[in-house]
């Protein structure tokens, strides 16, 4: 379950990640596969940030690597079918590492 972030340092860190994605996604996603897709940001148990893009038509490794670079921290990505035509792309960022 997502919890509100009360730690000001963690809140700033999360804001920095969101800003980097918002400002840089156009450069690493030239085919608009992630941009303008429904996205959610959720902190789970204060230890993990989960970023989920839904309704993605397809994704290339270069786009995944570009997003990881924008996040700027150790992170992991999984790509799962959502429907027969779309994918769910999930980035997981451990918040306990740093």
N, C-alpha and C. Protein backbone atom coordinates (compact mmCIF):
# COMPACT_ATOMS: atom_id res chain seq x y z
N UNK A 1 0.84 -1.18 0.00
CA UNK A 1 0.00 0.00 0.00
C UNK A 1 0.89 1.25 0.00
N UNK A 2 0.53 2.22 -0.74
CA UNK A 2 1.30 3.46 -0.80
C UNK A 2 1.09 4.26 0.47
N UNK A 3 2.18 4.85 0.94
CA UNK A 3 2.13 5.67 2.14
C UNK A 3 2.56 7.08 1.79
N UNK A 4 2.03 8.09 2.48
CA UNK A 4 2.51 9.45 2.24
C UNK A 4 3.96 9.58 2.68
N UNK A 5 4.72 10.37 1.96
CA UNK A 5 6.13 10.58 2.27
C UNK A 5 6.23 11.79 3.19
N UNK A 6 6.71 11.56 4.40
CA UNK A 6 6.83 12.66 5.36
C UNK A 6 8.27 13.13 5.54
N UNK A 7 9.24 12.31 5.22
CA UNK A 7 10.65 12.68 5.34
C UNK A 7 10.99 13.72 4.28
N UNK A 8 11.41 14.93 4.67
CA UNK A 8 11.68 15.98 3.68
C UNK A 8 12.82 15.65 2.73
N UNK A 9 13.81 14.93 3.18
CA UNK A 9 14.93 14.55 2.30
C UNK A 9 14.45 13.57 1.24
N UNK A 10 13.67 12.58 1.66
CA UNK A 10 13.13 11.61 0.71
C UNK A 10 12.15 12.29 -0.25
N UNK A 11 11.33 13.18 0.27
CA UNK A 11 10.38 13.90 -0.58
C UNK A 11 11.12 14.70 -1.65
N UNK A 12 12.24 15.33 -1.28
CA UNK A 12 13.04 16.08 -2.25
C UNK A 12 13.66 15.15 -3.29
N UNK A 13 14.14 14.00 -2.83
CA UNK A 13 14.73 13.01 -3.74
C UNK A 13 13.70 12.53 -4.76
N UNK A 14 12.48 12.25 -4.30
CA UNK A 14 11.41 11.79 -5.19
C UNK A 14 11.02 12.89 -6.18
N UNK A 15 10.96 14.11 -5.70
CA UNK A 15 10.64 15.23 -6.57
C UNK A 15 11.70 15.39 -7.66
N UNK A 16 12.96 15.21 -7.27
CA UNK A 16 14.07 15.31 -8.23
C UNK A 16 13.92 14.25 -9.33
N UNK A 17 13.58 13.03 -8.95
CA UNK A 17 13.39 11.96 -9.95
C UNK A 17 12.25 12.32 -10.90
N UNK A 18 11.12 12.75 -10.35
CA UNK A 18 9.96 13.12 -11.19
C UNK A 18 10.32 14.25 -12.15
N UNK A 19 11.02 15.26 -11.65
CA UNK A 19 11.41 16.39 -12.50
C UNK A 19 12.35 15.95 -13.62
N UNK A 20 13.31 15.10 -13.29
CA UNK A 20 14.24 14.61 -14.33
C UNK A 20 13.48 13.85 -15.40
N UNK A 21 12.51 13.03 -15.01
CA UNK A 21 11.72 12.29 -15.99
C UNK A 21 10.87 13.24 -16.83
N UNK A 22 10.22 14.19 -16.19
CA UNK A 22 9.36 15.13 -16.91
C UNK A 22 10.17 15.94 -17.92
N UNK A 23 11.33 16.41 -17.51
CA UNK A 23 12.14 17.26 -18.37
C UNK A 23 12.93 16.50 -19.43
N UNK A 24 13.30 15.25 -19.16
CA UNK A 24 14.18 14.53 -20.07
C UNK A 24 13.55 13.43 -20.89
N UNK A 25 12.30 13.10 -20.60
CA UNK A 25 11.68 11.96 -21.29
C UNK A 25 11.59 12.18 -22.79
N UNK A 26 11.38 13.41 -23.23
CA UNK A 26 11.29 13.69 -24.66
C UNK A 26 12.56 13.29 -25.40
N UNK A 27 13.71 13.44 -24.75
CA UNK A 27 14.98 13.11 -25.41
C UNK A 27 15.23 11.61 -25.49
N UNK A 28 14.79 10.86 -24.49
CA UNK A 28 15.07 9.42 -24.48
C UNK A 28 13.92 8.60 -25.04
N UNK A 29 12.81 9.25 -25.37
CA UNK A 29 11.62 8.58 -25.87
C UNK A 29 11.17 9.24 -27.18
N UNK A 30 12.00 9.15 -28.23
CA UNK A 30 11.69 9.87 -29.47
C UNK A 30 10.41 9.39 -30.17
N UNK A 31 9.95 8.18 -29.88
CA UNK A 31 8.77 7.64 -30.54
C UNK A 31 7.50 7.81 -29.70
N UNK A 32 7.61 8.55 -28.60
CA UNK A 32 6.46 8.85 -27.73
C UNK A 32 5.80 7.58 -27.18
N UNK A 33 6.59 6.58 -26.88
CA UNK A 33 6.03 5.34 -26.34
C UNK A 33 5.70 5.45 -24.86
N UNK A 34 6.44 6.28 -24.14
CA UNK A 34 6.16 6.47 -22.71
C UNK A 34 5.52 7.83 -22.44
N UNK A 35 5.94 8.83 -23.17
CA UNK A 35 5.37 10.16 -22.97
C UNK A 35 3.87 10.13 -23.22
N UNK A 36 3.14 10.86 -22.44
CA UNK A 36 1.69 10.98 -22.56
C UNK A 36 0.93 9.69 -22.28
N UNK A 37 1.62 8.70 -21.71
CA UNK A 37 0.94 7.48 -21.27
C UNK A 37 0.57 7.64 -19.81
N UNK A 38 -0.46 6.94 -19.38
CA UNK A 38 -0.79 7.00 -17.94
C UNK A 38 0.40 6.50 -17.12
N UNK A 39 0.81 7.28 -16.15
CA UNK A 39 1.95 6.92 -15.30
C UNK A 39 1.56 7.12 -13.84
N UNK A 40 2.08 6.24 -13.00
CA UNK A 40 1.85 6.39 -11.56
C UNK A 40 3.18 6.28 -10.83
N UNK A 41 3.27 7.02 -9.73
CA UNK A 41 4.44 7.01 -8.86
C UNK A 41 3.93 6.60 -7.49
N UNK A 42 4.53 5.55 -6.93
CA UNK A 42 4.06 5.07 -5.63
C UNK A 42 5.25 4.67 -4.77
N UNK A 43 5.25 5.14 -3.53
CA UNK A 43 6.27 4.72 -2.56
C UNK A 43 5.65 3.61 -1.73
N UNK A 44 6.35 2.49 -1.66
CA UNK A 44 5.85 1.32 -0.96
C UNK A 44 6.70 1.09 0.28
N UNK A 45 6.05 1.13 1.43
CA UNK A 45 6.69 0.88 2.73
C UNK A 45 7.90 1.78 2.98
N UNK A 46 7.94 2.93 2.36
CA UNK A 46 9.04 3.86 2.57
C UNK A 46 10.37 3.36 2.07
N UNK A 47 10.38 2.25 1.31
CA UNK A 47 11.63 1.63 0.90
C UNK A 47 11.79 1.51 -0.60
N UNK A 48 10.71 1.68 -1.34
CA UNK A 48 10.77 1.43 -2.78
C UNK A 48 9.88 2.42 -3.51
N UNK A 49 10.41 3.01 -4.57
CA UNK A 49 9.61 3.83 -5.47
C UNK A 49 9.26 2.99 -6.67
N UNK A 50 7.99 2.95 -7.00
CA UNK A 50 7.52 2.21 -8.17
C UNK A 50 6.95 3.22 -9.16
N UNK A 51 7.48 3.22 -10.37
CA UNK A 51 7.00 4.08 -11.45
C UNK A 51 6.43 3.16 -12.50
N UNK A 52 5.15 3.33 -12.81
CA UNK A 52 4.48 2.43 -13.75
C UNK A 52 3.89 3.23 -14.90
N UNK A 53 4.25 2.84 -16.13
CA UNK A 53 3.66 3.39 -17.34
C UNK A 53 2.73 2.34 -17.90
N UNK A 54 1.49 2.73 -18.21
CA UNK A 54 0.50 1.79 -18.75
C UNK A 54 0.16 2.17 -20.19
N UNK A 55 -0.42 1.22 -20.89
CA UNK A 55 -0.86 1.41 -22.27
C UNK A 55 0.29 1.73 -23.21
N UNK A 56 1.45 1.12 -22.97
CA UNK A 56 2.63 1.34 -23.81
C UNK A 56 2.56 0.39 -25.00
N UNK A 57 2.63 0.92 -26.24
CA UNK A 57 2.50 0.04 -27.40
C UNK A 57 3.69 -0.89 -27.59
N UNK A 58 4.90 -0.41 -27.28
CA UNK A 58 6.11 -1.22 -27.31
C UNK A 58 7.22 -0.41 -26.67
N UNK A 59 8.32 -1.07 -26.38
CA UNK A 59 9.45 -0.38 -25.74
C UNK A 59 10.74 -1.03 -26.23
N UNK A 60 11.73 -0.22 -26.48
CA UNK A 60 13.04 -0.73 -26.90
C UNK A 60 14.01 -0.62 -25.74
N UNK A 61 15.07 -1.43 -25.80
CA UNK A 61 16.07 -1.41 -24.74
C UNK A 61 16.70 -0.03 -24.58
N UNK A 62 16.90 0.66 -25.69
CA UNK A 62 17.51 1.99 -25.60
C UNK A 62 16.61 2.96 -24.83
N UNK A 63 15.31 2.82 -24.96
CA UNK A 63 14.39 3.68 -24.22
C UNK A 63 14.41 3.34 -22.73
N UNK A 64 14.47 2.05 -22.41
CA UNK A 64 14.58 1.62 -21.01
C UNK A 64 15.86 2.16 -20.40
N UNK A 65 16.97 2.03 -21.11
CA UNK A 65 18.26 2.53 -20.60
C UNK A 65 18.23 4.05 -20.44
N UNK A 66 17.55 4.74 -21.35
CA UNK A 66 17.44 6.19 -21.24
C UNK A 66 16.66 6.61 -20.00
N UNK A 67 15.57 5.90 -19.70
CA UNK A 67 14.79 6.22 -18.50
C UNK A 67 15.61 5.92 -17.25
N UNK A 68 16.32 4.81 -17.25
CA UNK A 68 17.17 4.49 -16.10
C UNK A 68 18.21 5.59 -15.88
N UNK A 69 18.77 6.09 -16.97
CA UNK A 69 19.74 7.17 -16.86
C UNK A 69 19.09 8.44 -16.29
N UNK A 70 17.88 8.73 -16.73
CA UNK A 70 17.17 9.90 -16.20
C UNK A 70 16.87 9.76 -14.71
N UNK A 71 16.48 8.57 -14.29
CA UNK A 71 16.20 8.33 -12.88
C UNK A 71 17.46 8.62 -12.08
N UNK A 72 18.60 8.22 -12.61
CA UNK A 72 19.88 8.58 -12.01
C UNK A 72 20.25 7.80 -10.76
N UNK A 73 19.56 6.73 -10.48
CA UNK A 73 19.83 5.90 -9.32
C UNK A 73 19.72 4.44 -9.73
N UNK A 74 20.22 3.56 -8.89
CA UNK A 74 20.05 2.14 -9.15
C UNK A 74 18.56 1.85 -9.29
N UNK A 75 18.18 1.20 -10.38
CA UNK A 75 16.77 0.87 -10.56
C UNK A 75 16.65 -0.36 -11.45
N UNK A 76 15.49 -0.93 -11.44
CA UNK A 76 15.20 -2.15 -12.18
C UNK A 76 13.96 -1.92 -13.02
N UNK A 77 13.86 -2.63 -14.13
CA UNK A 77 12.72 -2.46 -15.02
C UNK A 77 12.12 -3.82 -15.34
N UNK A 78 10.80 -3.86 -15.39
CA UNK A 78 10.11 -5.05 -15.88
C UNK A 78 9.07 -4.61 -16.89
N UNK A 79 8.87 -5.44 -17.89
CA UNK A 79 7.90 -5.16 -18.94
C UNK A 79 6.97 -6.35 -19.00
N UNK A 80 5.68 -6.08 -18.82
CA UNK A 80 4.68 -7.14 -18.79
C UNK A 80 3.56 -6.82 -19.76
N UNK A 81 2.95 -7.86 -20.36
CA UNK A 81 1.79 -7.59 -21.21
C UNK A 81 0.64 -7.04 -20.36
N UNK A 82 -0.03 -6.04 -20.89
CA UNK A 82 -1.22 -5.49 -20.23
C UNK A 82 -2.46 -6.01 -20.96
N UNK A 83 -2.44 -5.87 -22.27
CA UNK A 83 -3.48 -6.43 -23.13
C UNK A 83 -2.75 -7.08 -24.30
N UNK A 84 -3.49 -7.53 -25.27
CA UNK A 84 -2.85 -8.13 -26.45
C UNK A 84 -2.04 -7.10 -27.23
N UNK A 85 -2.37 -5.81 -27.09
CA UNK A 85 -1.70 -4.77 -27.85
C UNK A 85 -0.81 -3.85 -27.02
N UNK A 86 -0.92 -3.90 -25.70
CA UNK A 86 -0.17 -2.93 -24.89
C UNK A 86 0.62 -3.60 -23.77
N UNK A 87 1.59 -2.85 -23.25
CA UNK A 87 2.48 -3.32 -22.19
C UNK A 87 2.35 -2.43 -20.97
N UNK A 88 2.76 -2.98 -19.84
CA UNK A 88 2.97 -2.20 -18.63
C UNK A 88 4.47 -2.20 -18.38
N UNK A 89 5.05 -1.01 -18.26
CA UNK A 89 6.48 -0.87 -18.02
C UNK A 89 6.66 -0.33 -16.60
N UNK A 90 7.35 -1.11 -15.76
CA UNK A 90 7.50 -0.77 -14.34
C UNK A 90 8.98 -0.57 -14.02
N UNK A 91 9.29 0.58 -13.43
CA UNK A 91 10.62 0.87 -12.92
C UNK A 91 10.54 0.85 -11.40
N UNK A 92 11.47 0.15 -10.77
CA UNK A 92 11.52 0.04 -9.31
C UNK A 92 12.84 0.61 -8.84
N UNK A 93 12.75 1.57 -7.91
CA UNK A 93 13.94 2.24 -7.39
C UNK A 93 14.02 1.96 -5.89
N UNK A 94 15.02 1.17 -5.45
CA UNK A 94 15.20 0.97 -4.00
C UNK A 94 15.60 2.28 -3.35
N UNK A 95 14.88 2.68 -2.33
CA UNK A 95 15.15 3.96 -1.67
C UNK A 95 16.10 3.81 -0.49
N UNK A 96 16.37 2.58 -0.08
CA UNK A 96 17.26 2.36 1.05
C UNK A 96 18.72 2.44 0.66
N UNK A 97 19.02 2.28 -0.63
CA UNK A 97 20.40 2.39 -1.13
C UNK A 97 20.72 3.85 -1.36
N UNK A 98 21.95 4.22 -1.18
CA UNK A 98 22.38 5.55 -1.57
C UNK A 98 23.79 5.77 -1.16
